Amino acid sequence: MTKNAINSPDAPAAIGPYSQAIRAGDTVYLSGQLGLDPKSGNLVDGIEAQAHQAFKNLRAVAVAAGGSLDDMVKVSILMQNLGDFAKVNEIMAGYFTKPYPARATYQVAALPKAALIEIEGVLVLGR
């Protein structure tokens, strides 16, 4: 199996020893994206802004892989506060079309850089 790293200048650089995404065949595994502004490297303020930025960052990596968010088949969302679940659902609906990807959502104790949300996913190209 060949695996290729995917990188987009329109998404934040990795903050550790990992790739923004890895393509294996027609499947692309996107690393978790925080609500980091790709130009400044800083978190945007608040859960809504961070959710929007995280989805924009995911979209940038998906495009660099030759796909789009509509090619996503699975999304995982990690949040510091599940009380923000409804807001994040509303925001997510603006980035995807039906049929929506499968999804898991978790409340976590902490995220890198004290982020409020992190989103990762899997997309399949050539559907």
N, C-alpha and C. Protein backbone atom coordinates (compact mmCIF):
# COMPACT_ATOMS: atom_id res chain seq x y z
N MET A 1 0.85 -1.19 0.00
CA MET A 1 0.00 0.00 0.00
C MET A 1 0.88 1.24 0.00
N THR A 2 0.55 2.16 -0.85
CA THR A 2 1.24 3.44 -0.89
C THR A 2 0.43 4.44 -0.09
N LYS A 3 1.12 5.24 0.71
CA LYS A 3 0.43 6.32 1.40
C LYS A 3 1.14 7.62 1.09
N ASN A 4 0.36 8.64 0.83
CA ASN A 4 0.88 9.94 0.44
C ASN A 4 0.39 11.00 1.41
N ALA A 5 1.30 11.87 1.83
CA ALA A 5 0.93 12.98 2.70
C ALA A 5 0.24 14.06 1.87
N ILE A 6 -0.78 14.64 2.45
CA ILE A 6 -1.51 15.75 1.83
C ILE A 6 -1.28 16.98 2.71
N ASN A 7 -0.92 18.08 2.08
CA ASN A 7 -0.71 19.33 2.82
C ASN A 7 -1.35 20.47 2.06
N SER A 8 -1.94 21.39 2.80
CA SER A 8 -2.55 22.58 2.22
C SER A 8 -1.98 23.82 2.91
N PRO A 9 -1.55 24.81 2.14
CA PRO A 9 -1.11 26.08 2.76
C PRO A 9 -2.29 26.86 3.32
N ASP A 10 -3.52 26.45 2.96
CA ASP A 10 -4.72 27.14 3.42
C ASP A 10 -5.27 26.58 4.73
N ALA A 11 -4.53 25.65 5.32
CA ALA A 11 -4.88 25.10 6.64
C ALA A 11 -3.63 25.23 7.52
N PRO A 12 -3.82 25.27 8.84
CA PRO A 12 -2.66 25.43 9.72
C PRO A 12 -1.68 24.27 9.56
N ALA A 13 -0.40 24.58 9.67
CA ALA A 13 0.63 23.54 9.65
C ALA A 13 0.43 22.64 10.86
N ALA A 14 0.83 21.39 10.71
CA ALA A 14 0.74 20.44 11.83
C ALA A 14 1.54 20.97 13.01
N ILE A 15 1.02 20.76 14.22
CA ILE A 15 1.72 21.22 15.43
C ILE A 15 2.41 20.07 16.14
N GLY A 16 2.66 19.01 15.40
CA GLY A 16 3.33 17.83 15.94
C GLY A 16 3.82 16.96 14.80
N PRO A 17 4.29 15.76 15.12
CA PRO A 17 4.82 14.86 14.10
C PRO A 17 3.72 14.09 13.37
N TYR A 18 2.93 14.78 12.58
CA TYR A 18 1.85 14.17 11.81
C TYR A 18 1.59 14.99 10.55
N SER A 19 0.88 14.43 9.62
CA SER A 19 0.50 15.09 8.37
C SER A 19 -0.91 15.65 8.51
N GLN A 20 -1.20 16.67 7.73
CA GLN A 20 -2.57 17.20 7.72
C GLN A 20 -3.54 16.12 7.27
N ALA A 21 -3.09 15.27 6.35
CA ALA A 21 -3.91 14.14 5.89
C ALA A 21 -2.99 13.12 5.24
N ILE A 22 -3.48 11.90 5.16
CA ILE A 22 -2.79 10.81 4.47
C ILE A 22 -3.78 10.18 3.50
N ARG A 23 -3.34 10.04 2.25
CA ARG A 23 -4.15 9.34 1.25
C ARG A 23 -3.61 7.93 1.09
N ALA A 24 -4.50 6.96 1.20
CA ALA A 24 -4.19 5.55 0.97
C ALA A 24 -5.23 5.03 -0.01
N GLY A 25 -4.83 4.83 -1.26
CA GLY A 25 -5.80 4.47 -2.28
C GLY A 25 -6.74 5.64 -2.51
N ASP A 26 -8.03 5.38 -2.50
CA ASP A 26 -9.03 6.44 -2.69
C ASP A 26 -9.54 7.00 -1.36
N THR A 27 -8.95 6.56 -0.26
CA THR A 27 -9.37 7.01 1.06
C THR A 27 -8.38 8.02 1.61
N VAL A 28 -8.90 9.11 2.16
CA VAL A 28 -8.07 10.16 2.75
C VAL A 28 -8.47 10.31 4.21
N TYR A 29 -7.48 10.20 5.08
CA TYR A 29 -7.67 10.34 6.53
C TYR A 29 -7.19 11.73 6.93
N LEU A 30 -8.12 12.58 7.34
CA LEU A 30 -7.79 13.95 7.70
C LEU A 30 -7.55 14.06 9.20
N SER A 31 -6.38 14.60 9.54
CA SER A 31 -6.06 14.81 10.95
C SER A 31 -7.00 15.84 11.55
N GLY A 32 -7.09 15.82 12.86
CA GLY A 32 -7.95 16.77 13.56
C GLY A 32 -7.54 18.20 13.28
N GLN A 33 -8.53 19.04 13.05
CA GLN A 33 -8.31 20.46 12.84
C GLN A 33 -8.94 21.25 13.98
N LEU A 34 -8.15 22.16 14.49
CA LEU A 34 -8.63 23.09 15.52
C LEU A 34 -9.14 24.34 14.82
N GLY A 35 -9.67 25.26 15.58
CA GLY A 35 -10.11 26.54 15.06
C GLY A 35 -8.96 27.52 14.95
N LEU A 36 -7.86 27.07 14.34
CA LEU A 36 -6.68 27.91 14.18
C LEU A 36 -6.74 28.67 12.86
N ASP A 37 -6.45 29.96 12.92
CA ASP A 37 -6.32 30.75 11.71
C ASP A 37 -5.03 30.31 11.02
N PRO A 38 -5.10 29.88 9.75
CA PRO A 38 -3.90 29.36 9.10
C PRO A 38 -2.81 30.42 8.88
N LYS A 39 -3.19 31.68 8.82
CA LYS A 39 -2.19 32.74 8.60
C LYS A 39 -1.44 33.09 9.87
N SER A 40 -2.18 33.25 10.97
CA SER A 40 -1.54 33.67 12.23
C SER A 40 -1.12 32.49 13.10
N GLY A 41 -1.79 31.35 12.92
CA GLY A 41 -1.53 30.20 13.79
C GLY A 41 -2.20 30.30 15.14
N ASN A 42 -3.04 31.33 15.32
CA ASN A 42 -3.73 31.55 16.59
C ASN A 42 -5.17 31.04 16.52
N LEU A 43 -5.67 30.64 17.68
CA LEU A 43 -7.08 30.26 17.77
C LEU A 43 -7.96 31.47 17.57
N VAL A 44 -9.06 31.29 16.85
CA VAL A 44 -10.08 32.33 16.78
C VAL A 44 -10.89 32.26 18.07
N ASP A 45 -11.68 33.29 18.35
CA ASP A 45 -12.36 33.39 19.64
C ASP A 45 -13.75 32.78 19.64
N GLY A 46 -14.02 31.93 20.62
CA GLY A 46 -15.36 31.41 20.84
C GLY A 46 -15.64 30.12 20.08
N ILE A 47 -16.61 29.37 20.59
CA ILE A 47 -16.93 28.07 20.01
C ILE A 47 -17.45 28.18 18.58
N GLU A 48 -18.30 29.17 18.30
CA GLU A 48 -18.84 29.28 16.95
C GLU A 48 -17.76 29.60 15.95
N ALA A 49 -16.90 30.56 16.26
CA ALA A 49 -15.81 30.93 15.35
C ALA A 49 -14.83 29.77 15.20
N GLN A 50 -14.54 29.06 16.29
CA GLN A 50 -13.62 27.93 16.20
C GLN A 50 -14.21 26.79 15.38
N ALA A 51 -15.50 26.54 15.51
CA ALA A 51 -16.15 25.49 14.72
C ALA A 51 -16.09 25.84 13.23
N HIS A 52 -16.45 27.07 12.90
CA HIS A 52 -16.39 27.50 11.49
C HIS A 52 -14.96 27.35 10.96
N GLN A 53 -13.97 27.81 11.73
CA GLN A 53 -12.58 27.75 11.26
C GLN A 53 -12.11 26.31 11.11
N ALA A 54 -12.49 25.44 12.04
CA ALA A 54 -12.10 24.03 11.94
C ALA A 54 -12.68 23.40 10.68
N PHE A 55 -13.94 23.68 10.36
CA PHE A 55 -14.54 23.14 9.13
C PHE A 55 -13.87 23.75 7.90
N LYS A 56 -13.53 25.03 7.93
CA LYS A 56 -12.81 25.64 6.80
C LYS A 56 -11.45 24.98 6.62
N ASN A 57 -10.76 24.71 7.72
CA ASN A 57 -9.46 24.06 7.64
C ASN A 57 -9.59 22.65 7.06
N LEU A 58 -10.61 21.91 7.51
CA LEU A 58 -10.86 20.57 6.95
C LEU A 58 -11.14 20.66 5.45
N ARG A 59 -11.94 21.64 5.07
CA ARG A 59 -12.28 21.82 3.65
C ARG A 59 -11.01 22.08 2.83
N ALA A 60 -10.10 22.90 3.34
CA ALA A 60 -8.86 23.21 2.63
C ALA A 60 -8.03 21.95 2.41
N VAL A 61 -7.95 21.10 3.42
CA VAL A 61 -7.18 19.86 3.30
C VAL A 61 -7.89 18.90 2.33
N ALA A 62 -9.22 18.83 2.41
CA ALA A 62 -9.97 17.97 1.49
C ALA A 62 -9.74 18.40 0.04
N VAL A 63 -9.75 19.70 -0.21
CA VAL A 63 -9.50 20.22 -1.57
C VAL A 63 -8.08 19.88 -2.01
N ALA A 64 -7.11 20.03 -1.12
CA ALA A 64 -5.72 19.69 -1.45
C ALA A 64 -5.58 18.21 -1.81
N ALA A 65 -6.46 17.39 -1.26
CA ALA A 65 -6.45 15.95 -1.55
C ALA A 65 -7.18 15.62 -2.85
N GLY A 66 -7.83 16.62 -3.45
CA GLY A 66 -8.58 16.39 -4.69
C GLY A 66 -10.05 16.12 -4.46
N GLY A 67 -10.55 16.43 -3.28
CA GLY A 67 -11.95 16.19 -2.96
C GLY A 67 -12.63 17.42 -2.40
N SER A 68 -13.68 17.18 -1.65
CA SER A 68 -14.43 18.25 -1.01
C SER A 68 -15.07 17.68 0.26
N LEU A 69 -15.69 18.54 1.02
CA LEU A 69 -16.38 18.05 2.22
C LEU A 69 -17.51 17.10 1.86
N ASP A 70 -18.05 17.21 0.67
CA ASP A 70 -19.11 16.29 0.26
C ASP A 70 -18.60 14.87 0.06
N ASP A 71 -17.28 14.70 -0.01
CA ASP A 71 -16.69 13.36 -0.11
C ASP A 71 -16.43 12.73 1.25
N MET A 72 -16.72 13.48 2.32
CA MET A 72 -16.50 12.96 3.68
C MET A 72 -17.52 11.87 3.98
N VAL A 73 -17.02 10.75 4.51
CA VAL A 73 -17.90 9.66 4.88
C VAL A 73 -17.99 9.51 6.40
N LYS A 74 -17.03 10.08 7.13
CA LYS A 74 -17.02 9.97 8.60
C LYS A 74 -16.38 11.22 9.18
N VAL A 75 -16.98 11.75 10.22
CA VAL A 75 -16.47 12.92 10.94
C VAL A 75 -16.48 12.59 12.42
N SER A 76 -15.44 12.99 13.10
CA SER A 76 -15.40 12.91 14.57
C SER A 76 -15.20 14.32 15.11
N ILE A 77 -16.01 14.68 16.07
CA ILE A 77 -15.94 16.01 16.68
C ILE A 77 -15.63 15.84 18.16
N LEU A 78 -14.60 16.52 18.60
CA LEU A 78 -14.22 16.53 20.01
C LEU A 78 -14.48 17.94 20.53
N MET A 79 -15.23 18.03 21.63
CA MET A 79 -15.61 19.33 22.18
C MET A 79 -15.31 19.38 23.67
N GLN A 80 -14.97 20.56 24.14
CA GLN A 80 -14.78 20.72 25.57
C GLN A 80 -16.09 20.76 26.31
N ASN A 81 -17.16 21.18 25.63
CA ASN A 81 -18.44 21.33 26.30
C ASN A 81 -19.58 20.86 25.39
N LEU A 82 -20.19 19.74 25.74
CA LEU A 82 -21.31 19.25 24.92
C LEU A 82 -22.53 20.16 25.00
N GLY A 83 -22.49 21.13 25.88
CA GLY A 83 -23.55 22.14 25.91
C GLY A 83 -23.59 22.94 24.61
N ASP A 84 -22.50 22.91 23.85
CA ASP A 84 -22.42 23.61 22.56
C ASP A 84 -22.85 22.72 21.39
N PHE A 85 -23.36 21.52 21.69
CA PHE A 85 -23.73 20.54 20.67
C PHE A 85 -24.69 21.11 19.63
N ALA A 86 -25.75 21.79 20.05
CA ALA A 86 -26.74 22.31 19.11
C ALA A 86 -26.13 23.36 18.19
N LYS A 87 -25.29 24.24 18.73
CA LYS A 87 -24.63 25.26 17.91
C LYS A 87 -23.74 24.60 16.85
N VAL A 88 -22.98 23.60 17.27
CA VAL A 88 -22.07 22.92 16.34
C VAL A 88 -22.87 22.17 15.27
N ASN A 89 -23.98 21.55 15.64
CA ASN A 89 -24.84 20.89 14.65
C ASN A 89 -25.29 21.87 13.58
N GLU A 90 -25.74 23.04 14.01
CA GLU A 90 -26.21 24.06 13.08
C GLU A 90 -25.08 24.51 12.15
N ILE A 91 -23.90 24.71 12.72
CA ILE A 91 -22.74 25.13 11.91
C ILE A 91 -22.36 24.03 10.93
N MET A 92 -22.30 22.79 11.40
CA MET A 92 -21.91 21.68 10.54
C MET A 92 -22.85 21.55 9.35
N ALA A 93 -24.14 21.74 9.57
CA ALA A 93 -25.12 21.62 8.49
C ALA A 93 -24.85 22.60 7.36
N GLY A 94 -24.17 23.70 7.65
CA GLY A 94 -23.83 24.67 6.62
C GLY A 94 -22.65 24.28 5.76
N TYR A 95 -21.91 23.26 6.16
CA TYR A 95 -20.72 22.84 5.42
C TYR A 95 -20.90 21.54 4.64
N PHE A 96 -22.00 20.84 4.88
CA PHE A 96 -22.23 19.55 4.24
C PHE A 96 -23.60 19.53 3.58
N THR A 97 -23.74 18.64 2.60
CA THR A 97 -25.04 18.40 2.00
C THR A 97 -25.44 16.95 2.27
N LYS A 98 -26.72 16.68 2.15
CA LYS A 98 -27.20 15.32 2.39
C LYS A 98 -26.76 14.41 1.26
N PRO A 99 -26.47 13.18 1.51
CA PRO A 99 -26.48 12.55 2.82
C PRO A 99 -25.26 12.99 3.63
N TYR A 100 -25.50 13.36 4.88
CA TYR A 100 -24.43 13.80 5.77
C TYR A 100 -23.51 12.62 6.09
N PRO A 101 -22.25 12.93 6.42
CA PRO A 101 -21.35 11.83 6.80
C PRO A 101 -21.76 11.21 8.13
N ALA A 102 -21.31 9.99 8.36
CA ALA A 102 -21.47 9.40 9.70
C ALA A 102 -20.67 10.28 10.66
N ARG A 103 -21.06 10.25 11.96
CA ARG A 103 -20.38 11.14 12.90
C ARG A 103 -20.39 10.58 14.30
N ALA A 104 -19.33 10.89 15.02
CA ALA A 104 -19.26 10.65 16.45
C ALA A 104 -18.86 11.97 17.10
N THR A 105 -19.44 12.27 18.25
CA THR A 105 -19.11 13.50 18.97
C THR A 105 -18.78 13.13 20.41
N TYR A 106 -17.69 13.70 20.90
CA TYR A 106 -17.21 13.39 22.25
C TYR A 106 -16.94 14.67 23.02
N GLN A 107 -17.22 14.63 24.31
CA GLN A 107 -16.76 15.70 25.20
C GLN A 107 -15.43 15.24 25.78
N VAL A 108 -14.44 16.13 25.73
CA VAL A 108 -13.10 15.80 26.21
C VAL A 108 -12.66 16.79 27.28
N ALA A 109 -11.70 16.38 28.09
CA ALA A 109 -11.21 17.23 29.18
C ALA A 109 -10.38 18.40 28.65
N ALA A 110 -9.62 18.17 27.60
CA ALA A 110 -8.75 19.23 27.07
C ALA A 110 -8.38 18.91 25.63
N LEU A 111 -8.06 19.97 24.89
CA LEU A 111 -7.59 19.85 23.52
C LEU A 111 -6.31 20.67 23.36
N PRO A 112 -5.50 20.39 22.35
CA PRO A 112 -4.28 21.18 22.15
C PRO A 112 -4.58 22.67 22.07
N LYS A 113 -3.67 23.47 22.59
CA LYS A 113 -3.77 24.93 22.58
C LYS A 113 -5.01 25.45 23.30
N ALA A 114 -5.60 24.62 24.15
CA ALA A 114 -6.82 24.99 24.90
C ALA A 114 -7.99 25.29 23.96
N ALA A 115 -8.00 24.63 22.81
CA ALA A 115 -9.10 24.80 21.85
C ALA A 115 -10.40 24.30 22.45
N LEU A 116 -11.51 24.78 21.91
CA LEU A 116 -12.84 24.37 22.34
C LEU A 116 -13.39 23.22 21.51
N ILE A 117 -12.81 23.01 20.31
CA ILE A 117 -13.31 21.99 19.39
C ILE A 117 -12.19 21.51 18.49
N GLU A 118 -12.24 20.24 18.12
CA GLU A 118 -11.34 19.65 17.13
C GLU A 118 -12.18 18.72 16.27
N ILE A 119 -11.94 18.77 14.95
CA ILE A 119 -12.73 17.96 14.03
C ILE A 119 -11.79 17.21 13.09
N GLU A 120 -12.03 15.90 12.95
CA GLU A 120 -11.26 15.09 12.02
C GLU A 120 -12.23 14.34 11.14
N GLY A 121 -11.70 13.73 10.06
CA GLY A 121 -12.62 13.00 9.21
C GLY A 121 -11.93 12.08 8.23
N VAL A 122 -12.76 11.34 7.51
CA VAL A 122 -12.32 10.42 6.48
C VAL A 122 -13.13 10.76 5.22
N LEU A 123 -12.43 10.86 4.10
CA LEU A 123 -13.15 11.08 2.85
C LEU A 123 -12.73 10.03 1.84
N VAL A 124 -13.62 9.76 0.91
CA VAL A 124 -13.36 8.79 -0.15
C VAL A 124 -13.48 9.54 -1.48
N LEU A 125 -12.42 9.46 -2.27
CA LEU A 125 -12.38 10.15 -3.56
C LEU A 125 -12.98 9.26 -4.65
N GLY A 126 -13.47 9.90 -5.70
CA GLY A 126 -13.96 9.16 -6.85
C GLY A 126 -15.29 8.47 -6.66
N ARG A 127 -16.11 8.99 -5.73
CA ARG A 127 -17.43 8.37 -5.52
C ARG A 127 -18.36 8.78 -6.62
